[in-house]
Amino acid sequence: MKIYQTREFPCGILFFLYNRNMKKILYFIPSCIILFFIFGFSAQNGEQSGSLSYQIYEWLNHLVTLPFSKETVILLIRKAAHMSEFGVLSLTLYYGFSHTLEKHHILVSLIMTFLFACLDEWHQTFVPGRAGCFTDCLIDLSGAIIFMTVLYLIKKSQSH
């Protein structure tokens, strides 16, 4: 190990520890990007959020005849979007934790995803036309569990 001495790092060991911790932080950049998008979507007021869901409904309805009412399809679109967002978040958290923790990567990823889901729902209580709901936290968590289960099955099949 080369010893670096600067004003910021008077001791070489501090520089070494700083570099090691910076590398760990870099593994979580994908999670930060996903969180940026999640909280960006959550910051949209009720009208903006509903408009996006309606546009997706119109696109789907143009492709196929949907057997459900418009309201039901829009609700399913919104819940599927939440499950997907938080499922992807759980994968990026898993990536970060698999490089920074020795074990329990999936469990820690699921716990952190659930905490971010709760924070997201709390954030929505401050946005006009939006409401936070604990059942949405559970829906978000279910998306994360599905994604983590698929990841686990893929990793298990690759090890055989």
N, C-alpha and C. Protein backbone atom coordinates (compact mmCIF):
# COMPACT_ATOMS: atom_id res chain seq x y z
N MET A 1 0.85 -1.18 0.00
CA MET A 1 0.00 0.00 0.00
C MET A 1 0.89 1.23 0.00
N LYS A 2 0.63 2.11 -0.92
CA LYS A 2 1.39 3.35 -1.01
C LYS A 2 0.83 4.35 0.00
N ILE A 3 1.69 5.03 0.70
CA ILE A 3 1.26 6.00 1.70
C ILE A 3 1.10 7.36 1.03
N TYR A 4 -0.09 7.93 1.15
CA TYR A 4 -0.37 9.25 0.61
C TYR A 4 -0.48 10.23 1.76
N GLN A 5 0.14 11.38 1.60
CA GLN A 5 0.02 12.40 2.62
C GLN A 5 -0.40 13.70 1.95
N THR A 6 -1.60 14.11 2.25
CA THR A 6 -2.11 15.39 1.77
C THR A 6 -2.77 16.08 2.94
N ARG A 7 -3.21 17.30 2.71
CA ARG A 7 -3.89 18.01 3.77
C ARG A 7 -5.18 17.29 4.16
N GLU A 8 -5.91 16.74 3.18
CA GLU A 8 -7.17 16.04 3.46
C GLU A 8 -6.92 14.69 4.13
N PHE A 9 -5.81 14.04 3.79
CA PHE A 9 -5.50 12.71 4.31
C PHE A 9 -4.11 12.70 4.92
N PRO A 10 -3.97 13.21 6.15
CA PRO A 10 -2.64 13.27 6.76
C PRO A 10 -2.05 11.89 7.03
N CYS A 11 -2.88 10.89 7.04
CA CYS A 11 -2.40 9.54 7.32
C CYS A 11 -2.81 8.64 6.17
N GLY A 12 -1.88 7.81 5.70
CA GLY A 12 -2.17 6.94 4.57
C GLY A 12 -3.34 6.01 4.81
N ILE A 13 -3.54 5.55 6.04
CA ILE A 13 -4.63 4.62 6.34
C ILE A 13 -5.99 5.28 6.13
N LEU A 14 -6.07 6.58 6.43
CA LEU A 14 -7.34 7.29 6.19
C LEU A 14 -7.66 7.32 4.70
N PHE A 15 -6.64 7.52 3.88
CA PHE A 15 -6.86 7.53 2.44
C PHE A 15 -7.32 6.15 1.98
N PHE A 16 -6.69 5.10 2.50
CA PHE A 16 -7.07 3.74 2.15
C PHE A 16 -8.52 3.47 2.53
N LEU A 17 -8.90 3.84 3.74
CA LEU A 17 -10.28 3.63 4.20
C LEU A 17 -11.25 4.46 3.38
N TYR A 18 -10.87 5.68 3.05
CA TYR A 18 -11.72 6.55 2.24
C TYR A 18 -11.97 5.91 0.89
N ASN A 19 -10.92 5.43 0.24
CA ASN A 19 -11.07 4.79 -1.07
C ASN A 19 -11.94 3.54 -0.99
N ARG A 20 -11.74 2.74 0.06
CA ARG A 20 -12.52 1.52 0.22
C ARG A 20 -14.00 1.84 0.40
N ASN A 21 -14.31 2.85 1.20
CA ASN A 21 -15.70 3.23 1.41
C ASN A 21 -16.30 3.86 0.17
N MET A 22 -15.51 4.62 -0.58
CA MET A 22 -16.02 5.22 -1.81
C MET A 22 -16.40 4.13 -2.81
N LYS A 23 -15.60 3.08 -2.89
CA LYS A 23 -15.93 1.98 -3.79
C LYS A 23 -17.24 1.34 -3.39
N LYS A 24 -17.46 1.19 -2.09
CA LYS A 24 -18.72 0.61 -1.62
C LYS A 24 -19.90 1.50 -2.00
N ILE A 25 -19.73 2.78 -1.88
CA ILE A 25 -20.81 3.72 -2.21
C ILE A 25 -21.15 3.63 -3.69
N LEU A 26 -20.15 3.45 -4.54
CA LEU A 26 -20.38 3.39 -5.98
C LEU A 26 -21.31 2.24 -6.37
N TYR A 27 -21.30 1.16 -5.60
CA TYR A 27 -22.18 0.03 -5.91
C TYR A 27 -23.66 0.39 -5.73
N PHE A 28 -23.93 1.47 -5.03
CA PHE A 28 -25.32 1.87 -4.79
C PHE A 28 -25.81 2.98 -5.72
N ILE A 29 -24.99 3.38 -6.68
CA ILE A 29 -25.43 4.41 -7.63
C ILE A 29 -26.67 3.96 -8.40
N PRO A 30 -26.75 2.71 -8.89
CA PRO A 30 -27.99 2.30 -9.57
C PRO A 30 -29.23 2.45 -8.67
N SER A 31 -29.10 2.13 -7.39
CA SER A 31 -30.22 2.29 -6.45
C SER A 31 -30.61 3.75 -6.33
N CYS A 32 -29.62 4.63 -6.27
CA CYS A 32 -29.91 6.07 -6.17
C CYS A 32 -30.65 6.57 -7.40
N ILE A 33 -30.27 6.07 -8.56
CA ILE A 33 -30.95 6.47 -9.80
C ILE A 33 -32.40 6.01 -9.78
N ILE A 34 -32.64 4.76 -9.39
CA ILE A 34 -34.01 4.24 -9.31
C ILE A 34 -34.82 5.04 -8.29
N LEU A 35 -34.23 5.33 -7.14
CA LEU A 35 -34.93 6.12 -6.11
C LEU A 35 -35.26 7.52 -6.62
N PHE A 36 -34.38 8.09 -7.41
CA PHE A 36 -34.64 9.40 -8.01
C PHE A 36 -35.91 9.35 -8.85
N PHE A 37 -36.04 8.30 -9.67
CA PHE A 37 -37.23 8.17 -10.51
C PHE A 37 -38.48 7.87 -9.67
N ILE A 38 -38.35 6.99 -8.69
CA ILE A 38 -39.50 6.65 -7.84
C ILE A 38 -40.04 7.90 -7.15
N PHE A 39 -39.15 8.65 -6.52
CA PHE A 39 -39.61 9.84 -5.80
C PHE A 39 -40.03 10.95 -6.75
N GLY A 40 -39.48 10.95 -7.96
CA GLY A 40 -39.94 11.89 -8.98
C GLY A 40 -41.37 11.61 -9.39
N PHE A 41 -41.68 10.34 -9.62
CA PHE A 41 -43.06 9.97 -9.96
C PHE A 41 -44.00 10.26 -8.79
N SER A 42 -43.53 10.03 -7.57
CA SER A 42 -44.36 10.28 -6.39
C SER A 42 -44.62 11.76 -6.17
N ALA A 43 -43.74 12.60 -6.67
CA ALA A 43 -43.92 14.04 -6.50
C ALA A 43 -44.95 14.61 -7.47
N GLN A 44 -45.36 13.82 -8.47
CA GLN A 44 -46.40 14.29 -9.39
C GLN A 44 -47.72 14.38 -8.64
N ASN A 45 -48.46 15.44 -8.92
CA ASN A 45 -49.77 15.55 -8.27
C ASN A 45 -50.72 14.50 -8.84
N GLY A 46 -51.87 14.37 -8.23
CA GLY A 46 -52.83 13.34 -8.63
C GLY A 46 -53.23 13.41 -10.09
N GLU A 47 -53.37 14.62 -10.60
CA GLU A 47 -53.79 14.80 -12.00
C GLU A 47 -52.69 14.33 -12.96
N GLN A 48 -51.45 14.71 -12.69
CA GLN A 48 -50.33 14.29 -13.55
C GLN A 48 -50.16 12.78 -13.53
N SER A 49 -50.22 12.21 -12.36
CA SER A 49 -50.06 10.77 -12.21
C SER A 49 -51.19 10.02 -12.92
N GLY A 50 -52.40 10.50 -12.76
CA GLY A 50 -53.55 9.88 -13.41
C GLY A 50 -53.47 9.98 -14.92
N SER A 51 -52.94 11.10 -15.41
CA SER A 51 -52.80 11.31 -16.85
C SER A 51 -51.86 10.28 -17.47
N LEU A 52 -50.76 10.01 -16.82
CA LEU A 52 -49.81 9.02 -17.32
C LEU A 52 -50.44 7.63 -17.35
N SER A 53 -51.14 7.27 -16.30
CA SER A 53 -51.81 5.97 -16.25
C SER A 53 -52.86 5.87 -17.34
N TYR A 54 -53.58 6.97 -17.59
CA TYR A 54 -54.61 6.97 -18.62
C TYR A 54 -53.99 6.80 -20.01
N GLN A 55 -52.84 7.43 -20.24
CA GLN A 55 -52.16 7.29 -21.54
C GLN A 55 -51.75 5.83 -21.78
N ILE A 56 -51.27 5.18 -20.75
CA ILE A 56 -50.89 3.77 -20.88
C ILE A 56 -52.14 2.93 -21.13
N TYR A 57 -53.23 3.25 -20.45
CA TYR A 57 -54.49 2.54 -20.67
C TYR A 57 -54.93 2.69 -22.13
N GLU A 58 -54.88 3.90 -22.66
CA GLU A 58 -55.28 4.15 -24.05
C GLU A 58 -54.42 3.33 -25.02
N TRP A 59 -53.13 3.29 -24.76
CA TRP A 59 -52.22 2.54 -25.61
C TRP A 59 -52.56 1.04 -25.57
N LEU A 60 -52.77 0.51 -24.35
CA LEU A 60 -53.14 -0.91 -24.21
C LEU A 60 -54.48 -1.21 -24.87
N ASN A 61 -55.43 -0.34 -24.66
CA ASN A 61 -56.78 -0.54 -25.20
C ASN A 61 -56.77 -0.50 -26.72
N HIS A 62 -55.82 0.23 -27.28
CA HIS A 62 -55.68 0.29 -28.73
C HIS A 62 -55.11 -1.03 -29.28
N LEU A 63 -54.25 -1.67 -28.49
CA LEU A 63 -53.63 -2.93 -28.93
C LEU A 63 -54.56 -4.12 -28.80
N VAL A 64 -55.25 -4.21 -27.68
CA VAL A 64 -56.14 -5.34 -27.42
C VAL A 64 -57.43 -4.84 -26.78
N THR A 65 -58.47 -5.64 -26.91
CA THR A 65 -59.72 -5.32 -26.23
C THR A 65 -59.59 -5.79 -24.79
N LEU A 66 -59.70 -4.86 -23.88
CA LEU A 66 -59.53 -5.19 -22.47
C LEU A 66 -60.86 -5.62 -21.86
N PRO A 67 -60.88 -6.75 -21.14
CA PRO A 67 -62.13 -7.29 -20.61
C PRO A 67 -62.58 -6.63 -19.30
N PHE A 68 -61.85 -5.62 -18.83
CA PHE A 68 -62.19 -4.97 -17.56
C PHE A 68 -62.58 -3.52 -17.80
N SER A 69 -63.18 -2.92 -16.81
CA SER A 69 -63.53 -1.51 -16.92
C SER A 69 -62.26 -0.66 -16.96
N LYS A 70 -62.40 0.55 -17.48
CA LYS A 70 -61.27 1.47 -17.58
C LYS A 70 -60.65 1.71 -16.20
N GLU A 71 -61.48 1.91 -15.20
CA GLU A 71 -60.99 2.20 -13.85
C GLU A 71 -60.17 1.03 -13.29
N THR A 72 -60.65 -0.19 -13.55
CA THR A 72 -59.95 -1.38 -13.06
C THR A 72 -58.59 -1.52 -13.75
N VAL A 73 -58.56 -1.30 -15.05
CA VAL A 73 -57.31 -1.42 -15.80
C VAL A 73 -56.31 -0.36 -15.34
N ILE A 74 -56.78 0.86 -15.15
CA ILE A 74 -55.89 1.93 -14.69
C ILE A 74 -55.34 1.61 -13.30
N LEU A 75 -56.18 1.07 -12.43
CA LEU A 75 -55.71 0.68 -11.10
C LEU A 75 -54.64 -0.42 -11.21
N LEU A 76 -54.88 -1.40 -12.08
CA LEU A 76 -53.90 -2.47 -12.27
C LEU A 76 -52.59 -1.94 -12.85
N ILE A 77 -52.69 -0.98 -13.77
CA ILE A 77 -51.49 -0.36 -14.34
C ILE A 77 -50.68 0.32 -13.25
N ARG A 78 -51.37 1.07 -12.40
CA ARG A 78 -50.67 1.79 -11.32
C ARG A 78 -50.00 0.82 -10.35
N LYS A 79 -50.70 -0.23 -9.98
CA LYS A 79 -50.13 -1.19 -9.02
C LYS A 79 -48.98 -1.97 -9.65
N ALA A 80 -49.12 -2.35 -10.92
CA ALA A 80 -48.04 -3.06 -11.61
C ALA A 80 -46.81 -2.17 -11.75
N ALA A 81 -47.03 -0.88 -11.98
CA ALA A 81 -45.90 0.05 -12.07
C ALA A 81 -45.17 0.13 -10.73
N HIS A 82 -45.92 0.21 -9.65
CA HIS A 82 -45.30 0.25 -8.32
C HIS A 82 -44.52 -1.03 -8.04
N MET A 83 -45.13 -2.17 -8.35
CA MET A 83 -44.45 -3.44 -8.12
C MET A 83 -43.16 -3.52 -8.93
N SER A 84 -43.21 -3.05 -10.17
CA SER A 84 -42.03 -3.09 -11.04
C SER A 84 -40.94 -2.15 -10.54
N GLU A 85 -41.33 -0.92 -10.19
CA GLU A 85 -40.35 0.05 -9.70
C GLU A 85 -39.61 -0.48 -8.48
N PHE A 86 -40.37 -0.99 -7.53
CA PHE A 86 -39.75 -1.46 -6.30
C PHE A 86 -39.07 -2.82 -6.48
N GLY A 87 -39.52 -3.59 -7.46
CA GLY A 87 -38.80 -4.82 -7.80
C GLY A 87 -37.42 -4.51 -8.35
N VAL A 88 -37.36 -3.54 -9.26
CA VAL A 88 -36.07 -3.13 -9.81
C VAL A 88 -35.20 -2.52 -8.71
N LEU A 89 -35.80 -1.71 -7.84
CA LEU A 89 -35.05 -1.15 -6.72
C LEU A 89 -34.42 -2.26 -5.88
N SER A 90 -35.19 -3.31 -5.60
CA SER A 90 -34.66 -4.41 -4.78
C SER A 90 -33.47 -5.08 -5.48
N LEU A 91 -33.52 -5.19 -6.81
CA LEU A 91 -32.40 -5.78 -7.54
C LEU A 91 -31.15 -4.91 -7.44
N THR A 92 -31.34 -3.59 -7.56
CA THR A 92 -30.18 -2.70 -7.48
C THR A 92 -29.62 -2.67 -6.05
N LEU A 93 -30.49 -2.74 -5.07
CA LEU A 93 -30.02 -2.81 -3.68
C LEU A 93 -29.27 -4.13 -3.45
N TYR A 94 -29.79 -5.21 -4.00
CA TYR A 94 -29.11 -6.50 -3.90
C TYR A 94 -27.70 -6.40 -4.49
N TYR A 95 -27.60 -5.76 -5.64
CA TYR A 95 -26.30 -5.58 -6.29
C TYR A 95 -25.34 -4.85 -5.34
N GLY A 96 -25.81 -3.77 -4.74
CA GLY A 96 -24.97 -3.02 -3.81
C GLY A 96 -24.59 -3.83 -2.59
N PHE A 97 -25.57 -4.48 -1.98
CA PHE A 97 -25.29 -5.24 -0.76
C PHE A 97 -24.45 -6.49 -1.03
N SER A 98 -24.57 -7.06 -2.22
CA SER A 98 -23.77 -8.25 -2.53
C SER A 98 -22.29 -7.89 -2.64
N HIS A 99 -21.99 -6.61 -2.84
CA HIS A 99 -20.60 -6.16 -2.90
C HIS A 99 -20.12 -5.55 -1.58
N THR A 100 -21.02 -5.35 -0.64
CA THR A 100 -20.62 -4.67 0.59
C THR A 100 -20.89 -5.47 1.86
N LEU A 101 -21.74 -6.47 1.79
CA LEU A 101 -22.04 -7.32 2.94
C LEU A 101 -21.58 -8.74 2.65
N GLU A 102 -21.28 -9.48 3.69
CA GLU A 102 -20.84 -10.86 3.50
C GLU A 102 -22.01 -11.81 3.26
N LYS A 103 -23.17 -11.54 3.87
CA LYS A 103 -24.31 -12.45 3.70
C LYS A 103 -25.61 -11.69 3.91
N HIS A 104 -26.71 -12.38 3.72
CA HIS A 104 -28.07 -11.85 3.89
C HIS A 104 -28.40 -10.74 2.89
N HIS A 105 -27.85 -10.84 1.68
CA HIS A 105 -28.06 -9.80 0.68
C HIS A 105 -29.54 -9.64 0.33
N ILE A 106 -30.23 -10.75 0.13
CA ILE A 106 -31.64 -10.69 -0.26
C ILE A 106 -32.48 -10.12 0.86
N LEU A 107 -32.27 -10.60 2.07
CA LEU A 107 -33.06 -10.12 3.21
C LEU A 107 -32.85 -8.62 3.44
N VAL A 108 -31.62 -8.18 3.44
CA VAL A 108 -31.34 -6.75 3.66
C VAL A 108 -31.93 -5.92 2.52
N SER A 109 -31.85 -6.43 1.29
CA SER A 109 -32.42 -5.72 0.15
C SER A 109 -33.93 -5.57 0.30
N LEU A 110 -34.60 -6.64 0.74
CA LEU A 110 -36.05 -6.58 0.93
C LEU A 110 -36.43 -5.62 2.06
N ILE A 111 -35.68 -5.65 3.14
CA ILE A 111 -35.97 -4.74 4.26
C ILE A 111 -35.80 -3.29 3.82
N MET A 112 -34.71 -3.00 3.12
CA MET A 112 -34.47 -1.63 2.66
C MET A 112 -35.52 -1.20 1.64
N THR A 113 -35.91 -2.11 0.76
CA THR A 113 -36.95 -1.78 -0.22
C THR A 113 -38.25 -1.44 0.49
N PHE A 114 -38.61 -2.22 1.50
CA PHE A 114 -39.83 -1.95 2.26
C PHE A 114 -39.74 -0.59 2.95
N LEU A 115 -38.60 -0.27 3.54
CA LEU A 115 -38.44 1.03 4.19
C LEU A 115 -38.57 2.18 3.19
N PHE A 116 -37.98 2.01 2.01
CA PHE A 116 -38.13 3.04 0.97
C PHE A 116 -39.58 3.14 0.50
N ALA A 117 -40.28 2.01 0.43
CA ALA A 117 -41.69 2.03 0.05
C ALA A 117 -42.51 2.81 1.07
N CYS A 118 -42.23 2.60 2.35
CA CYS A 118 -42.93 3.35 3.40
C CYS A 118 -42.61 4.83 3.31
N LEU A 119 -41.36 5.15 3.06
CA LEU A 119 -40.95 6.55 2.91
C LEU A 119 -41.63 7.19 1.70
N ASP A 120 -41.75 6.43 0.63
CA ASP A 120 -42.42 6.91 -0.58
C ASP A 120 -43.90 7.20 -0.31
N GLU A 121 -44.56 6.31 0.39
CA GLU A 121 -45.98 6.53 0.71
C GLU A 121 -46.15 7.72 1.64
N TRP A 122 -45.25 7.88 2.59
CA TRP A 122 -45.31 9.04 3.48
C TRP A 122 -45.10 10.32 2.67
N HIS A 123 -44.16 10.28 1.73
CA HIS A 123 -43.90 11.43 0.85
C HIS A 123 -45.16 11.81 0.08
N GLN A 124 -45.91 10.83 -0.37
CA GLN A 124 -47.12 11.10 -1.16
C GLN A 124 -48.19 11.82 -0.35
N THR A 125 -48.15 11.72 0.97
CA THR A 125 -49.15 12.43 1.79
C THR A 125 -48.98 13.94 1.71
N PHE A 126 -47.83 14.40 1.26
CA PHE A 126 -47.57 15.84 1.13
C PHE A 126 -47.84 16.36 -0.28
N VAL A 127 -48.19 15.47 -1.21
CA VAL A 127 -48.40 15.86 -2.60
C VAL A 127 -49.89 16.04 -2.85
N PRO A 128 -50.29 17.19 -3.42
CA PRO A 128 -51.72 17.43 -3.68
C PRO A 128 -52.33 16.35 -4.58
N GLY A 129 -53.49 15.87 -4.18
CA GLY A 129 -54.20 14.86 -4.96
C GLY A 129 -53.68 13.45 -4.79
N ARG A 130 -52.72 13.27 -3.90
CA ARG A 130 -52.16 11.94 -3.64
C ARG A 130 -52.40 11.57 -2.19
N ALA A 131 -52.35 10.29 -1.90
CA ALA A 131 -52.52 9.82 -0.53
C ALA A 131 -51.55 8.66 -0.29
N GLY A 132 -51.01 8.60 0.89
CA GLY A 132 -50.16 7.48 1.25
C GLY A 132 -51.01 6.37 1.84
N CYS A 133 -50.68 5.15 1.51
CA CYS A 133 -51.48 4.01 1.97
C CYS A 133 -50.55 2.84 2.31
N PHE A 134 -50.72 2.28 3.50
CA PHE A 134 -49.85 1.19 3.92
C PHE A 134 -50.00 -0.03 3.02
N THR A 135 -51.19 -0.26 2.50
CA THR A 135 -51.36 -1.42 1.60
C THR A 135 -50.50 -1.26 0.34
N ASP A 136 -50.27 -0.01 -0.08
CA ASP A 136 -49.37 0.21 -1.21
C ASP A 136 -47.93 -0.19 -0.86
N CYS A 137 -47.54 0.01 0.39
CA CYS A 137 -46.21 -0.45 0.84
C CYS A 137 -46.11 -1.96 0.68
N LEU A 138 -47.18 -2.65 1.02
CA LEU A 138 -47.18 -4.11 0.90
C LEU A 138 -47.18 -4.54 -0.56
N ILE A 139 -47.87 -3.79 -1.42
CA ILE A 139 -47.85 -4.08 -2.86
C ILE A 139 -46.43 -3.88 -3.40
N ASP A 140 -45.79 -2.78 -2.98
CA ASP A 140 -44.41 -2.53 -3.40
C ASP A 140 -43.49 -3.66 -2.94
N LEU A 141 -43.67 -4.08 -1.70
CA LEU A 141 -42.86 -5.17 -1.15
C LEU A 141 -43.11 -6.47 -1.92
N SER A 142 -44.35 -6.70 -2.32
CA SER A 142 -44.63 -7.93 -3.07
C SER A 142 -43.90 -7.92 -4.41
N GLY A 143 -43.80 -6.76 -5.04
CA GLY A 143 -43.01 -6.66 -6.27
C GLY A 143 -41.56 -7.00 -6.02
N ALA A 144 -41.02 -6.49 -4.91
CA ALA A 144 -39.63 -6.78 -4.55
C ALA A 144 -39.44 -8.27 -4.27
N ILE A 145 -40.40 -8.87 -3.58
CA ILE A 145 -40.31 -10.31 -3.28
C ILE A 145 -40.34 -11.13 -4.56
N ILE A 146 -41.20 -10.75 -5.50
CA ILE A 146 -41.26 -11.47 -6.79
C ILE A 146 -39.92 -11.37 -7.51
N PHE A 147 -39.37 -10.16 -7.61
CA PHE A 147 -38.10 -9.97 -8.31
C PHE A 147 -36.97 -10.74 -7.60
N MET A 148 -36.95 -10.70 -6.27
CA MET A 148 -35.90 -11.40 -5.52
C MET A 148 -36.04 -12.92 -5.66
N THR A 149 -37.29 -13.40 -5.73
CA THR A 149 -37.52 -14.83 -5.92
C THR A 149 -37.01 -15.27 -7.28
N VAL A 150 -37.29 -14.49 -8.31
CA VAL A 150 -36.79 -14.81 -9.65
C VAL A 150 -35.26 -14.80 -9.65
N LEU A 151 -34.66 -13.80 -9.03
CA LEU A 151 -33.20 -13.73 -8.93
C LEU A 151 -32.65 -14.97 -8.22
N TYR A 152 -33.26 -15.33 -7.12
CA TYR A 152 -32.82 -16.50 -6.35
C TYR A 152 -32.90 -17.77 -7.20
N LEU A 153 -34.01 -17.94 -7.92
CA LEU A 153 -34.18 -19.13 -8.76
C LEU A 153 -33.16 -19.16 -9.89
N ILE A 154 -32.88 -18.01 -10.47
CA ILE A 154 -31.87 -17.95 -11.54
C ILE A 154 -30.50 -18.31 -10.99
N LYS A 155 -30.14 -17.73 -9.87
CA LYS A 155 -28.83 -18.01 -9.26
C LYS A 155 -28.73 -19.49 -8.85
N LYS A 156 -29.82 -20.03 -8.34
CA LYS A 156 -29.83 -21.44 -7.93
C LYS A 156 -29.67 -22.36 -9.14
N SER A 157 -30.35 -22.03 -10.25
CA SER A 157 -30.25 -22.87 -11.44
C SER A 157 -28.86 -22.77 -12.08
N GLN A 158 -28.21 -21.63 -11.94
CA GLN A 158 -26.87 -21.47 -12.50
C GLN A 158 -25.82 -22.21 -11.69
N SER A 159 -26.09 -22.43 -10.41
CA SER A 159 -25.12 -23.12 -9.56
C SER A 159 -25.14 -24.63 -9.75
N HIS A 160 -26.15 -25.14 -10.44
CA HIS A 160 -26.24 -26.59 -10.66
C HIS A 160 -25.67 -26.97 -11.99
